[in-house]
Amino acid sequence: MTLDLGAALRQTTATSYSQDEVDRLLAGRLRMQPHPEWQLPEEPTWREDPFEDRNWRFQFHMLRWLEPLRRAASKGNDAAYRMWLRWVLDWVEKNPPSAPRTDWAWTDMSDGIRVQQLCSAAPMIADRAPELLPWLESTIRVHADHLADPANMGNANHALHQQESLFVCGRVLQDEELERLASSRMSALLKEQYDEQGMNAEGATAYHYNNYLWWERALGRFDLEGIHRPDGADRHLHAPEEIAHATKPDGLLVPIGDTDEQSPKLIQSPFVEYVTTGGRSGSAPRDTAKVYDAGYVFARSGWGDTRRSYADQTFYTLRFGPARRVHGHPDGTSLTYSSHGVNWLTDLGKYQYGRSVPRDHFASREGHSVLSIDGRAAFNDAYVELVDHSLFSLAHQFFLEDNSYNGVEITRRVIYSTRGEYLVIIDKARSRRRLVASQRWQLGPDVDATIDDHEVNLTAADRHATLWFDDTITGIRSVRAQDDPFDGYVSTGWKRMTPATAVIATCEGTSVEFLTVLGAGTVTAPSVTTVAVPKPGCRALDIDFGSSIERILISPTAVSFPRVHHATR
């Protein structure tokens, strides 16, 4: 027997379990979150699919649901041991790599998660049934050989779980070649999945968070063995600051890509501690605005002080870069905006994996706060380029070019006034053929909208905001909780959603332009008035906050603030 039981013990990083969960399994009741409970069969076929859900099938063959039984058995629970062993033996017998009962048996990542449990079981088997050690070693070896084969390697976090497991197999099997292969692959994966700013490549803030935790665990396995971490491991150390920037003032991650309502509080970082405790502990990042080359802008009015709490600050995000990402959505140019404790403009969330009417909408370009061209399909591999940007004391400004449609030139210009804390968005689209362009704004679920000519009055409890359009638009409408066609919802969790109003403005022609303002107030919403200016190509607006009026002058390339008038009323 060549299994290293000491390595198996060191690499078993979690030993606690819920007795209620163990008791449920012993009674034959299986509950794999986020799915309903299901009665286990006496004799599984391993083709079971009670909820017709790919995630359920994935988890079922991962065998992670048996882990509470293994942990209880390792601490002396005989019934848990018998059930764990019976199910593992049955799975191994019926699902050899050459002829599994289903393709899900050896799907990438499930293979890795499963063998970690087998490695952790080695000390228990050595104590309870040493005659099974050759079988266990052979089973671990089969998994290790499968993981070592590059043809079986997945992508992104799936590949991470596989290489982490390959490293564990190498230590438990005392196979240095497997260790070196796992380390080499993890090094390459780190450099592929993290850039030098610490930004993860998966395209969703939830997966930026998840990947940091997963990588911390995986890299910690090298520490347990006294082995140097793979080259590139320093990159993910910058991730906590990025995750703090991606957290809204309410303490939740901004829902970009496959992200539902989630707090990043499990990350041990003073930056993350600050944003998840409302500024009560930890320390804030230095910058209030951050542009990440991978395609993200995160900015806020401040980190909180004695005059204004952290939770009351204004926060906005802007997306650019490639539309095709592992857990990302085609959301280039999309914005979110929170202010005075309200998420006025949000993203749609994940809802589920796989296909369904809600999922198709939540993951579509047309569902996001972007400019879409009616009746035309956007490229799957579209790219939004951040052409230029500036972060000055009085304003932030971003120029973006969007190549999502064949034969259509689309640009978006975003201006943020640091004093007024409002956004000005200028969208343009040009085409040789006449087009209908729709500018969509996905409001948060707590926001009500009332359309008044070219202005939309937004309310959330006692808070107020304005979504204002200039007179170039040809129509404006809102939609909420509409089922045919599906629209007016955002996701709140796995297969959960809630009504949320979307406002859609339209404009027709071969060359169209939208000038839009989004701003929030406290007692009253700001109002917007156009101001005539003699300079060709320039636009001027007065933004009235009640106590003051800020004038913003917008030229084709610059923005300025000629005056702020303090009202006496």
Protein backbone atom coordinates (compact mmCIF):
# COMPACT_ATOMS: atom_id res chain seq x y z
CA MET A 1 0.00 0.00 0.00
CA THR A 2 1.47 3.31 -1.08
CA LEU A 3 -1.20 5.72 0.19
CA ASP A 4 0.22 8.46 2.41
CA LEU A 5 -2.27 8.59 5.27
CA GLY A 6 -0.52 11.58 6.81
CA ALA A 7 -0.98 13.58 3.63
CA ALA A 8 -4.63 12.52 3.51
CA LEU A 9 -5.13 13.84 7.05
CA ARG A 10 -3.32 17.10 6.31
CA GLN A 11 -5.34 17.67 3.15
CA THR A 12 -8.66 17.08 4.92
CA THR A 13 -9.24 20.73 5.66
CA ALA A 14 -12.87 20.46 6.88
CA THR A 15 -14.16 17.99 9.48
CA SER A 16 -17.34 19.52 10.93
CA TYR A 17 -20.83 18.41 9.89
CA SER A 18 -24.49 18.92 10.68
CA GLN A 19 -26.05 16.03 12.59
CA ASP A 20 -29.46 16.93 11.15
CA GLU A 21 -28.02 16.58 7.66
CA VAL A 22 -26.52 13.21 8.53
CA ASP A 23 -29.84 12.05 9.99
CA ARG A 24 -31.70 13.12 6.86
CA LEU A 25 -29.34 11.16 4.65
CA LEU A 26 -29.58 8.09 6.87
CA ALA A 27 -33.37 8.36 6.46
CA GLY A 28 -32.89 8.41 2.68
CA ARG A 29 -33.70 12.09 2.17
CA LEU A 30 -31.30 14.02 -0.06
CA ARG A 31 -31.28 17.82 -0.20
CA MET A 32 -28.70 19.45 -2.46
CA GLN A 33 -29.00 23.24 -2.36
CA PRO A 34 -30.66 25.02 -4.00
CA HIS A 35 -32.89 22.11 -5.04
CA PRO A 36 -35.84 20.50 -3.22
CA GLU A 37 -35.53 17.36 -1.13
CA TRP A 38 -35.65 14.00 -2.90
CA GLN A 39 -36.09 10.44 -1.62
CA LEU A 40 -33.05 8.32 -2.42
CA PRO A 41 -33.78 5.00 -4.17
CA GLU A 42 -32.77 1.69 -2.68
CA GLU A 43 -30.81 0.84 -5.82
CA PRO A 44 -29.66 3.86 -7.81
CA THR A 45 -29.40 3.65 -11.58
CA TRP A 46 -27.15 6.77 -11.57
CA ARG A 47 -29.35 8.13 -14.35
CA GLU A 48 -31.66 9.84 -11.87
CA ASP A 49 -32.83 13.36 -12.75
CA PRO A 50 -35.90 14.11 -10.60
CA PHE A 51 -35.96 17.85 -11.28
CA GLU A 52 -34.74 17.83 -14.89
CA ASP A 53 -31.92 20.11 -13.83
CA ARG A 54 -28.31 19.96 -15.01
CA ASN A 55 -26.98 21.42 -11.78
CA TRP A 56 -28.71 18.68 -9.77
CA ARG A 57 -27.23 15.97 -12.01
CA PHE A 58 -23.83 17.62 -11.71
CA GLN A 59 -23.97 17.62 -7.90
CA PHE A 60 -25.37 14.10 -7.71
CA HIS A 61 -22.33 12.61 -9.46
CA MET A 62 -19.94 14.86 -7.62
CA LEU A 63 -20.86 12.83 -4.50
CA ARG A 64 -20.23 15.89 -2.34
CA TRP A 65 -23.61 15.21 -0.76
CA LEU A 66 -22.05 12.11 0.87
CA GLU A 67 -19.37 14.19 2.61
CA PRO A 68 -21.38 14.72 5.86
CA LEU A 69 -21.59 10.92 6.15
CA ARG A 70 -17.83 10.54 5.67
CA ARG A 71 -17.09 13.15 8.30
CA ALA A 72 -19.50 11.56 10.77
CA ALA A 73 -18.07 8.11 10.02
CA SER A 74 -14.54 9.39 10.63
CA LYS A 75 -15.70 10.34 14.12
CA GLY A 76 -17.20 6.95 14.91
CA ASN A 77 -20.72 6.92 13.40
CA ASP A 78 -21.15 3.32 12.16
CA ALA A 79 -24.44 3.90 10.33
CA ALA A 80 -22.94 6.84 8.46
CA TYR A 81 -19.92 4.72 7.51
CA ARG A 82 -22.07 1.89 6.13
CA MET A 83 -24.20 4.23 4.03
CA TRP A 84 -21.20 6.18 2.73
CA LEU A 85 -19.34 3.02 1.73
CA ARG A 86 -22.38 1.43 0.08
CA TRP A 87 -23.05 4.42 -2.13
CA VAL A 88 -19.40 5.01 -3.06
CA LEU A 89 -18.85 1.34 -3.91
CA ASP A 90 -22.00 1.36 -6.03
CA TRP A 91 -21.00 4.52 -7.90
CA VAL A 92 -17.48 3.22 -8.64
CA GLU A 93 -18.79 -0.14 -9.83
CA LYS A 94 -21.41 1.32 -12.17
CA ASN A 95 -19.46 4.30 -13.54
CA PRO A 96 -16.05 3.26 -14.87
CA PRO A 97 -14.57 5.95 -17.16
CA SER A 98 -14.88 3.62 -20.12
CA ALA A 99 -18.62 2.96 -19.70
CA PRO A 100 -20.37 5.27 -17.20
CA ARG A 101 -24.13 5.20 -16.76
CA THR A 102 -24.30 8.87 -17.82
CA ASP A 103 -22.03 11.56 -19.23
CA TRP A 104 -22.43 13.46 -15.96
CA ALA A 105 -20.39 10.83 -14.10
CA TRP A 106 -17.06 12.16 -15.37
CA THR A 107 -17.95 15.77 -16.17
CA ASP A 108 -15.07 18.13 -15.46
CA MET A 109 -14.96 19.46 -11.88
CA SER A 110 -17.29 16.76 -10.56
CA ASP A 111 -14.41 14.30 -11.07
CA GLY A 112 -12.11 16.48 -8.97
CA ILE A 113 -14.52 17.19 -6.11
CA ARG A 114 -15.35 13.48 -5.88
CA VAL A 115 -11.75 12.26 -5.61
CA GLN A 116 -10.94 14.77 -2.86
CA GLN A 117 -13.47 12.93 -0.71
CA LEU A 118 -11.92 9.58 -1.62
CA CYS A 119 -8.47 10.85 -0.61
CA SER A 120 -9.84 12.11 2.71
CA ALA A 121 -11.42 8.71 3.33
CA ALA A 122 -8.06 6.88 3.31
CA PRO A 123 -7.38 7.08 7.10
CA MET A 124 -10.95 5.96 7.84
CA ILE A 125 -10.70 2.99 5.47
CA ALA A 126 -7.31 2.07 6.91
CA ASP A 127 -8.89 1.96 10.37
CA ARG A 128 -12.25 0.36 9.57
CA ALA A 129 -11.61 -1.86 6.53
CA PRO A 130 -7.90 -2.11 5.66
CA GLU A 131 -8.68 -4.86 3.17
CA LEU A 132 -10.34 -2.16 1.02
CA LEU A 133 -7.22 -0.02 0.80
CA PRO A 134 -6.07 -1.57 -2.51
CA TRP A 135 -9.52 -0.83 -3.97
CA LEU A 136 -9.40 2.74 -2.67
CA GLU A 137 -5.89 3.30 -4.02
CA SER A 138 -6.91 1.93 -7.41
CA THR A 139 -9.99 4.19 -7.46
CA ILE A 140 -7.94 7.27 -6.58
CA ARG A 141 -5.42 6.32 -9.25
CA VAL A 142 -8.17 6.01 -11.88
CA HIS A 143 -9.36 9.50 -10.99
CA ALA A 144 -5.81 10.89 -10.99
CA ASP A 145 -5.07 9.43 -14.42
CA HIS A 146 -8.34 10.90 -15.70
CA LEU A 147 -7.47 14.32 -14.28
CA ALA A 148 -3.93 14.17 -15.68
CA ASP A 149 -5.22 13.60 -19.22
CA PRO A 150 -5.36 17.07 -20.86
CA ALA A 151 -8.37 15.92 -22.90
CA ASN A 152 -10.42 15.92 -19.70
CA MET A 153 -9.43 19.37 -18.49
CA GLY A 154 -12.19 21.95 -18.09
CA ASN A 155 -12.01 25.72 -18.14
CA ALA A 156 -11.75 28.50 -15.55
CA ASN A 157 -12.86 27.45 -12.05
CA HIS A 158 -13.66 23.91 -13.22
CA ALA A 159 -10.02 23.53 -14.20
CA LEU A 160 -8.97 24.95 -10.83
CA HIS A 161 -10.96 22.33 -8.92
CA GLN A 162 -9.48 19.63 -11.12
CA GLN A 163 -5.85 20.71 -10.63
CA GLU A 164 -6.33 21.21 -6.91
CA SER A 165 -7.61 17.64 -6.75
CA LEU A 166 -4.76 16.37 -8.91
CA PHE A 167 -2.31 17.90 -6.43
CA VAL A 168 -4.08 16.16 -3.53
CA CYS A 169 -4.01 12.88 -5.44
CA GLY A 170 -0.29 13.34 -6.04
CA ARG A 171 0.40 13.82 -2.33
CA VAL A 172 -1.79 10.93 -1.18
CA LEU A 173 -0.49 8.59 -3.90
CA GLN A 174 3.08 9.82 -3.26
CA ASP A 175 3.42 10.58 -6.96
CA GLU A 176 5.73 13.57 -7.50
CA GLU A 177 5.03 13.65 -11.22
CA LEU A 178 1.35 14.32 -10.54
CA GLU A 179 2.29 17.06 -8.05
CA ARG A 180 4.52 18.80 -10.58
CA LEU A 181 1.88 18.54 -13.29
CA ALA A 182 -0.78 20.03 -10.99
CA SER A 183 1.54 22.87 -9.93
CA SER A 184 2.48 23.68 -13.53
CA ARG A 185 -1.13 23.73 -14.66
CA MET A 186 -2.19 25.87 -11.70
CA SER A 187 0.55 28.37 -12.52
CA ALA A 188 -0.66 28.65 -16.11
CA LEU A 189 -4.26 28.93 -14.91
CA LEU A 190 -3.42 31.70 -12.45
CA LYS A 191 -1.86 33.78 -15.22
CA GLU A 192 -4.81 33.06 -17.49
CA GLN A 193 -7.53 33.80 -14.94
CA TYR A 194 -5.98 36.77 -13.08
CA ASP A 195 -4.42 39.85 -14.59
CA GLU A 196 -1.86 42.01 -12.83
CA GLN A 197 -4.62 44.15 -11.29
CA GLY A 198 -6.05 41.07 -9.57
CA MET A 199 -9.13 40.94 -11.80
CA ASN A 200 -10.58 37.51 -12.44
CA ALA A 201 -11.55 36.60 -16.01
CA GLU A 202 -14.92 34.92 -15.40
CA GLY A 203 -17.06 38.03 -15.94
CA ALA A 204 -19.23 37.94 -12.81
CA THR A 205 -18.60 39.59 -9.45
CA ALA A 206 -19.90 36.50 -7.64
CA TYR A 207 -17.25 34.42 -9.39
CA HIS A 208 -14.55 36.98 -8.62
CA TYR A 209 -15.49 36.36 -4.99
CA ASN A 210 -15.87 32.59 -5.29
CA ASN A 211 -12.62 32.18 -7.19
CA TYR A 212 -10.69 34.09 -4.56
CA LEU A 213 -11.96 31.70 -1.86
CA TRP A 214 -11.34 28.65 -4.06
CA TRP A 215 -7.83 29.74 -4.93
CA GLU A 216 -7.02 30.52 -1.31
CA ARG A 217 -8.05 26.99 -0.37
CA ALA A 218 -6.19 25.42 -3.30
CA LEU A 219 -2.98 27.37 -2.71
CA GLY A 220 -3.19 26.69 1.00
CA ARG A 221 -2.76 22.99 0.19
CA PHE A 222 0.78 23.73 -0.96
CA ASP A 223 1.42 25.49 2.36
CA LEU A 224 0.22 22.42 4.26
CA GLU A 225 2.82 20.31 2.47
CA GLY A 226 5.62 22.85 2.84
CA ILE A 227 5.81 23.30 -0.94
CA HIS A 228 6.22 26.62 -2.74
CA ARG A 229 3.03 27.99 -4.23
CA PRO A 230 2.81 27.95 -8.04
CA ASP A 231 4.26 30.86 -9.97
CA GLY A 232 1.64 33.57 -10.42
CA ALA A 233 0.02 33.04 -7.03
CA ASP A 234 0.66 36.66 -6.11
CA ARG A 235 -1.86 37.86 -8.71
CA HIS A 236 -4.94 36.75 -6.86
CA LEU A 237 -3.74 38.58 -3.73
CA HIS A 238 -4.93 41.83 -5.34
CA ALA A 239 -8.46 40.44 -5.70
CA PRO A 240 -9.84 41.51 -2.26
CA GLU A 241 -9.38 45.18 -3.09
CA GLU A 242 -11.18 44.71 -6.42
CA ILE A 243 -13.99 42.82 -4.67
CA ALA A 244 -14.31 45.67 -2.15
CA HIS A 245 -14.63 48.14 -5.04
CA ALA A 246 -17.30 45.87 -6.58
CA THR A 247 -19.39 45.91 -3.40
CA LYS A 248 -22.29 48.36 -3.19
CA PRO A 249 -22.84 50.60 -0.16
CA ASP A 250 -25.49 48.11 1.06
CA GLY A 251 -22.74 45.50 1.56
CA LEU A 252 -23.72 43.27 -1.37
CA LEU A 253 -21.81 42.60 -4.56
CA VAL A 254 -23.04 44.58 -7.54
CA PRO A 255 -24.89 41.94 -9.62
CA ILE A 256 -22.76 41.86 -12.75
CA GLY A 257 -22.89 38.65 -14.80
CA ASP A 258 -23.98 35.46 -13.04
CA THR A 259 -24.39 37.18 -9.68
CA ASP A 260 -27.42 37.28 -7.43
CA GLU A 261 -27.74 38.87 -3.98
CA GLN A 262 -24.50 37.96 -2.21
CA SER A 263 -22.16 39.37 0.40
CA PRO A 264 -18.39 38.80 0.07
CA LYS A 265 -17.98 38.72 3.84
CA LEU A 266 -16.03 35.44 4.00
CA ILE A 267 -12.92 37.06 2.55
CA GLN A 268 -10.37 37.89 5.22
CA SER A 269 -9.33 41.39 4.15
CA PRO A 270 -9.57 44.80 5.83
CA PHE A 271 -11.01 46.21 2.59
CA VAL A 272 -13.78 43.61 2.38
CA GLU A 273 -14.42 43.89 6.12
CA TYR A 274 -14.97 47.62 5.67
CA VAL A 275 -17.55 47.32 2.88
CA THR A 276 -19.44 44.44 4.50
CA THR A 277 -19.69 46.07 7.95
CA GLY A 278 -20.88 49.43 6.69
CA GLY A 279 -17.53 51.00 7.52
CA ARG A 280 -17.70 50.02 11.20
CA SER A 281 -14.46 48.01 11.03
CA GLY A 282 -11.65 47.30 8.61
CA SER A 283 -10.18 49.95 6.35
CA ALA A 284 -11.36 51.51 3.09
CA PRO A 285 -9.38 51.32 -0.14
CA ARG A 286 -7.52 54.50 -1.03
CA ASP A 287 -9.31 55.23 -4.33
CA THR A 288 -12.98 56.11 -4.70
CA ALA A 289 -12.89 55.35 -8.44
CA LYS A 290 -11.14 52.43 -10.07
CA VAL A 291 -10.88 51.43 -13.73
CA TYR A 292 -9.93 47.82 -14.35
CA ASP A 293 -8.45 46.95 -17.73
CA ALA A 294 -10.46 43.73 -17.84
CA GLY A 295 -13.61 45.79 -18.40
CA TYR A 296 -14.95 47.29 -15.18
CA VAL A 297 -15.40 50.75 -13.70
CA PHE A 298 -16.33 50.94 -10.01
CA ALA A 299 -16.76 54.38 -8.47
CA ARG A 300 -18.42 56.03 -5.49
CA SER A 301 -18.81 59.44 -3.91
CA GLY A 302 -16.86 58.42 -0.83
CA TRP A 303 -16.18 55.81 1.81
CA GLY A 304 -18.16 57.54 4.56
CA ASP A 305 -17.29 60.01 7.28
CA THR A 306 -18.89 61.83 10.21
CA ARG A 307 -20.97 64.00 7.87
CA ARG A 308 -22.29 61.22 5.65
CA SER A 309 -22.42 57.52 6.37
CA TYR A 310 -20.87 54.93 4.08
CA ALA A 311 -24.28 53.37 3.35
CA ASP A 312 -25.60 56.71 2.07
CA GLN A 313 -22.89 57.21 -0.58
CA THR A 314 -23.48 57.19 -4.32
CA PHE A 315 -22.05 54.25 -6.28
CA TYR A 316 -21.99 53.45 -9.99
CA THR A 317 -20.47 50.85 -12.30
CA LEU A 318 -19.76 50.69 -16.01
CA ARG A 319 -18.88 47.63 -18.13
CA PHE A 320 -16.76 47.24 -21.24
CA GLY A 321 -14.64 44.54 -22.91
CA PRO A 322 -15.67 41.23 -24.50
CA ALA A 323 -19.26 40.01 -24.47
CA ARG A 324 -18.19 36.36 -24.26
CA ARG A 325 -16.98 35.37 -20.77
CA VAL A 326 -17.43 32.16 -18.78
CA HIS A 327 -19.98 33.60 -16.33
CA GLY A 328 -20.39 37.02 -17.92
CA HIS A 329 -23.29 38.49 -19.86
CA PRO A 330 -23.21 40.57 -23.07
CA ASP A 331 -23.40 43.73 -20.96
CA GLY A 332 -20.83 46.05 -22.53
CA THR A 333 -21.65 49.76 -21.79
CA SER A 334 -24.16 48.69 -19.10
CA LEU A 335 -24.46 50.84 -15.98
CA THR A 336 -25.65 50.40 -12.41
CA TYR A 337 -26.34 53.29 -10.03
CA SER A 338 -27.04 53.39 -6.28
CA SER A 339 -27.50 56.48 -4.13
CA HIS A 340 -28.96 57.42 -0.74
CA GLY A 341 -29.49 53.77 0.16
CA VAL A 342 -31.42 52.86 -3.02
CA ASN A 343 -30.29 50.69 -5.93
CA TRP A 344 -31.90 52.86 -8.60
CA LEU A 345 -30.30 51.08 -11.55
CA THR A 346 -29.33 47.42 -11.25
CA ASP A 347 -28.27 44.41 -13.26
CA LEU A 348 -30.40 41.32 -13.78
CA GLY A 349 -28.53 38.55 -11.95
CA LYS A 350 -28.08 34.86 -12.69
CA TYR A 351 -31.39 33.06 -11.97
CA GLN A 352 -30.08 29.64 -13.08
CA TYR A 353 -27.75 27.83 -15.46
CA GLY A 354 -29.07 26.15 -18.56
CA ARG A 355 -31.96 27.38 -20.68
CA SER A 356 -35.30 28.85 -19.66
CA VAL A 357 -37.31 31.90 -20.65
CA PRO A 358 -36.17 33.92 -17.59
CA ARG A 359 -32.53 32.84 -17.94
CA ASP A 360 -32.48 33.72 -21.62
CA HIS A 361 -33.71 37.21 -20.79
CA PHE A 362 -31.41 37.78 -17.81
CA ALA A 363 -28.37 36.73 -19.84
CA SER A 364 -29.32 38.70 -22.97
CA ARG A 365 -27.92 41.98 -24.22
CA GLU A 366 -31.43 43.38 -24.59
CA GLY A 367 -32.15 42.87 -20.89
CA HIS A 368 -29.30 45.10 -19.73
CA SER A 369 -29.07 48.88 -19.44
CA VAL A 370 -27.59 49.37 -22.89
CA LEU A 371 -28.55 50.63 -26.34
CA SER A 372 -29.97 47.86 -28.54
CA ILE A 373 -31.06 47.89 -32.17
CA ASP A 374 -34.55 46.50 -32.61
CA GLY A 375 -34.87 43.57 -34.98
CA ARG A 376 -31.13 42.98 -35.28
CA ALA A 377 -29.08 40.27 -33.59
CA ALA A 378 -25.95 41.31 -31.74
CA PHE A 379 -22.69 39.43 -32.34
CA ASN A 380 -21.96 36.75 -29.73
CA ASP A 381 -18.31 37.80 -29.72
CA ALA A 382 -18.95 41.55 -29.62
CA TYR A 383 -16.43 43.84 -27.96
CA VAL A 384 -16.90 47.21 -26.31
CA GLU A 385 -13.74 49.32 -26.26
CA LEU A 386 -13.03 51.96 -23.66
CA VAL A 387 -11.52 54.49 -26.08
CA ASP A 388 -10.70 57.16 -23.53
CA HIS A 389 -11.46 58.12 -19.96
CA SER A 390 -10.57 60.67 -17.32
CA LEU A 391 -11.05 60.88 -13.56
CA PHE A 392 -10.90 64.52 -12.49
CA SER A 393 -11.94 66.17 -9.25
CA LEU A 394 -15.17 67.56 -10.73
CA ALA A 395 -16.10 64.78 -13.17
CA HIS A 396 -15.43 61.29 -14.44
CA GLN A 397 -15.77 60.77 -18.17
CA PHE A 398 -15.76 57.65 -20.36
CA PHE A 399 -15.94 57.21 -24.15
CA LEU A 400 -16.90 53.75 -25.42
CA GLU A 401 -17.27 52.19 -28.86
CA ASP A 402 -19.58 49.21 -29.27
CA ASN A 403 -19.25 46.89 -32.30
CA SER A 404 -22.17 44.63 -31.35
CA TYR A 405 -24.10 44.98 -34.63
CA ASN A 406 -23.15 44.56 -38.25
CA GLY A 407 -23.26 47.86 -40.11
CA VAL A 408 -24.12 49.96 -37.04
CA GLU A 409 -21.76 52.36 -35.28
CA ILE A 410 -22.64 52.72 -31.60
CA THR A 411 -20.94 54.94 -29.06
CA ARG A 412 -21.72 55.63 -25.42
CA ARG A 413 -20.32 58.54 -23.45
CA VAL A 414 -20.77 58.54 -19.69
CA ILE A 415 -20.18 61.57 -17.47
CA TYR A 416 -20.41 61.54 -13.68
CA SER A 417 -20.52 64.80 -11.75
CA THR A 418 -18.65 64.32 -8.47
CA ARG A 419 -20.40 67.33 -6.94
CA GLY A 420 -23.95 66.59 -8.12
CA GLU A 421 -23.48 62.78 -8.09
CA TYR A 422 -25.58 62.35 -11.23
CA LEU A 423 -24.85 60.58 -14.52
CA VAL A 424 -25.13 62.00 -18.02
CA ILE A 425 -25.26 59.39 -20.78
CA ILE A 426 -24.95 60.22 -24.46
CA ASP A 427 -25.70 57.33 -26.84
CA LYS A 428 -25.29 57.55 -30.59
CA ALA A 429 -26.04 55.02 -33.33
CA ARG A 430 -25.49 55.40 -37.08
CA SER A 431 -26.38 53.09 -39.95
CA ARG A 432 -26.92 53.31 -43.70
CA ARG A 433 -30.32 51.77 -43.18
CA ARG A 434 -33.04 53.26 -41.01
CA LEU A 435 -32.98 51.76 -37.55
CA VAL A 436 -34.97 51.77 -34.33
CA ALA A 437 -32.72 52.10 -31.29
CA SER A 438 -33.92 51.29 -27.77
CA GLN A 439 -32.16 52.67 -24.73
CA ARG A 440 -33.04 50.50 -21.74
CA TRP A 441 -32.75 51.26 -18.03
CA GLN A 442 -33.30 48.34 -15.63
CA LEU A 443 -34.49 49.79 -12.33
CA GLY A 444 -34.12 48.11 -8.96
CA PRO A 445 -37.08 46.10 -7.64
CA ASP A 446 -37.89 48.70 -4.95
CA VAL A 447 -38.12 51.55 -7.46
CA ASP A 448 -41.44 52.82 -8.83
CA ALA A 449 -41.51 54.82 -12.06
CA THR A 450 -43.98 57.41 -13.31
CA ILE A 451 -43.56 58.73 -16.85
CA ASP A 452 -44.22 62.44 -17.33
CA ASP A 453 -43.55 63.42 -20.94
CA HIS A 454 -39.77 62.93 -21.40
CA GLU A 455 -39.04 62.62 -17.70
CA VAL A 456 -39.45 59.59 -15.45
CA ASN A 457 -40.02 60.25 -11.77
CA LEU A 458 -38.46 57.51 -9.66
CA THR A 459 -39.43 56.80 -6.05
CA ALA A 460 -38.35 54.25 -3.46
CA ALA A 461 -40.08 54.73 -0.10
CA ASP A 462 -39.24 58.36 0.83
CA ARG A 463 -36.36 58.66 -1.66
CA HIS A 464 -36.59 60.29 -5.08
CA ALA A 465 -34.63 60.25 -8.33
CA THR A 466 -34.99 61.46 -11.91
CA LEU A 467 -34.44 59.72 -15.23
CA TRP A 468 -34.56 62.53 -17.80
CA PHE A 469 -34.41 62.37 -21.61
CA ASP A 470 -33.97 65.20 -24.06
CA ASP A 471 -36.52 65.77 -26.82
CA THR A 472 -34.75 63.64 -29.46
CA ILE A 473 -36.48 60.45 -28.37
CA THR A 474 -39.62 59.33 -30.20
CA GLY A 475 -41.15 57.20 -27.47
CA ILE A 476 -40.81 56.08 -23.87
CA ARG A 477 -42.48 53.26 -22.00
CA SER A 478 -42.08 51.12 -18.90
CA VAL A 479 -42.59 47.43 -18.32
CA ARG A 480 -42.94 45.50 -15.07
CA ALA A 481 -43.74 41.82 -14.38
CA GLN A 482 -44.65 41.04 -17.98
CA ASP A 483 -44.75 37.37 -18.93
CA ASP A 484 -45.37 37.52 -22.69
CA PRO A 485 -42.90 38.57 -23.86
CA PHE A 486 -40.98 38.05 -20.65
CA ASP A 487 -39.65 41.31 -19.18
CA GLY A 488 -39.67 43.46 -16.06
CA TYR A 489 -38.03 41.09 -13.57
CA VAL A 490 -34.63 40.69 -11.93
CA SER A 491 -33.18 37.58 -10.35
CA THR A 492 -32.79 37.33 -6.57
CA GLY A 493 -31.50 33.75 -6.29
CA TRP A 494 -31.57 30.28 -7.78
CA LYS A 495 -34.75 30.15 -9.87
CA ARG A 496 -36.10 33.09 -7.89
CA MET A 497 -37.01 36.46 -9.31
CA THR A 498 -38.94 39.58 -8.40
CA PRO A 499 -40.74 42.24 -10.43
CA ALA A 500 -38.57 45.23 -11.35
CA THR A 501 -39.53 48.04 -13.70
CA ALA A 502 -37.57 48.67 -16.87
CA VAL A 503 -37.79 51.98 -18.73
CA ILE A 504 -37.24 51.90 -22.50
CA ALA A 505 -36.78 54.98 -24.67
CA THR A 506 -36.75 54.69 -28.46
CA CYS A 507 -35.47 56.78 -31.34
CA GLU A 508 -35.67 56.17 -35.10
CA GLY A 509 -33.55 57.21 -38.07
CA THR A 510 -30.25 56.52 -39.78
CA SER A 511 -28.46 58.59 -37.13
CA VAL A 512 -29.92 58.72 -33.64
CA GLU A 513 -28.79 60.29 -30.39
CA PHE A 514 -29.96 60.01 -26.78
CA LEU A 515 -29.05 62.50 -24.08
CA THR A 516 -30.06 61.05 -20.71
CA VAL A 517 -29.58 62.15 -17.11
CA LEU A 518 -29.95 59.96 -14.04
CA GLY A 519 -29.69 61.57 -10.62
CA ALA A 520 -30.96 61.07 -7.10
CA GLY A 521 -31.88 63.48 -4.34
CA THR A 522 -32.86 63.23 -0.70
CA VAL A 523 -36.11 65.07 -0.04
CA THR A 524 -36.79 65.84 -3.71
CA ALA A 525 -35.42 64.57 -6.99
CA PRO A 526 -33.20 66.83 -9.10
CA SER A 527 -34.80 68.48 -12.12
CA VAL A 528 -33.13 69.03 -15.49
CA THR A 529 -33.44 71.99 -17.85
CA THR A 530 -31.75 72.48 -21.21
CA VAL A 531 -29.82 75.70 -21.68
CA ALA A 532 -29.20 77.31 -25.07
CA VAL A 533 -25.50 77.79 -25.87
CA PRO A 534 -23.98 79.54 -28.90
CA LYS A 535 -21.18 77.01 -29.43
CA PRO A 536 -21.91 74.50 -32.23
CA GLY A 537 -21.93 70.90 -31.06
CA CYS A 538 -22.13 71.87 -27.37
CA ARG A 539 -24.93 71.05 -24.95
CA ALA A 540 -25.67 72.66 -21.60
CA LEU A 541 -27.93 71.50 -18.80
CA ASP A 542 -28.96 72.99 -15.47
CA ILE A 543 -29.37 70.34 -12.77
CA ASP A 544 -31.55 71.77 -10.00
CA PHE A 545 -31.19 70.12 -6.58
CA GLY A 546 -33.47 72.56 -4.80
CA SER A 547 -30.76 74.16 -2.72
CA SER A 548 -28.41 74.65 -5.66
CA ILE A 549 -28.27 74.48 -9.44
CA GLU A 550 -25.25 73.04 -11.23
CA ARG A 551 -24.69 73.92 -14.87
CA ILE A 552 -22.88 71.32 -16.94
CA LEU A 553 -21.44 72.24 -20.35
CA ILE A 554 -20.73 69.32 -22.66
CA SER A 555 -18.57 69.76 -25.76
CA PRO A 556 -17.75 66.90 -28.18
CA THR A 557 -14.60 66.02 -26.20
CA ALA A 558 -14.76 67.77 -22.82
CA VAL A 559 -17.05 68.63 -19.93
CA SER A 560 -17.02 71.68 -17.67
CA PHE A 561 -19.12 73.27 -14.96
CA PRO A 562 -19.43 77.01 -15.61
CA ARG A 563 -21.26 77.75 -12.41
CA VAL A 564 -23.10 76.52 -9.35
CA HIS A 565 -25.97 78.76 -8.26
CA HIS A 566 -27.10 78.46 -4.66
CA ALA A 567 -30.80 79.07 -4.46
CA THR A 568 -32.33 81.32 -1.82
CA ARG A 569 -35.68 79.55 -1.77
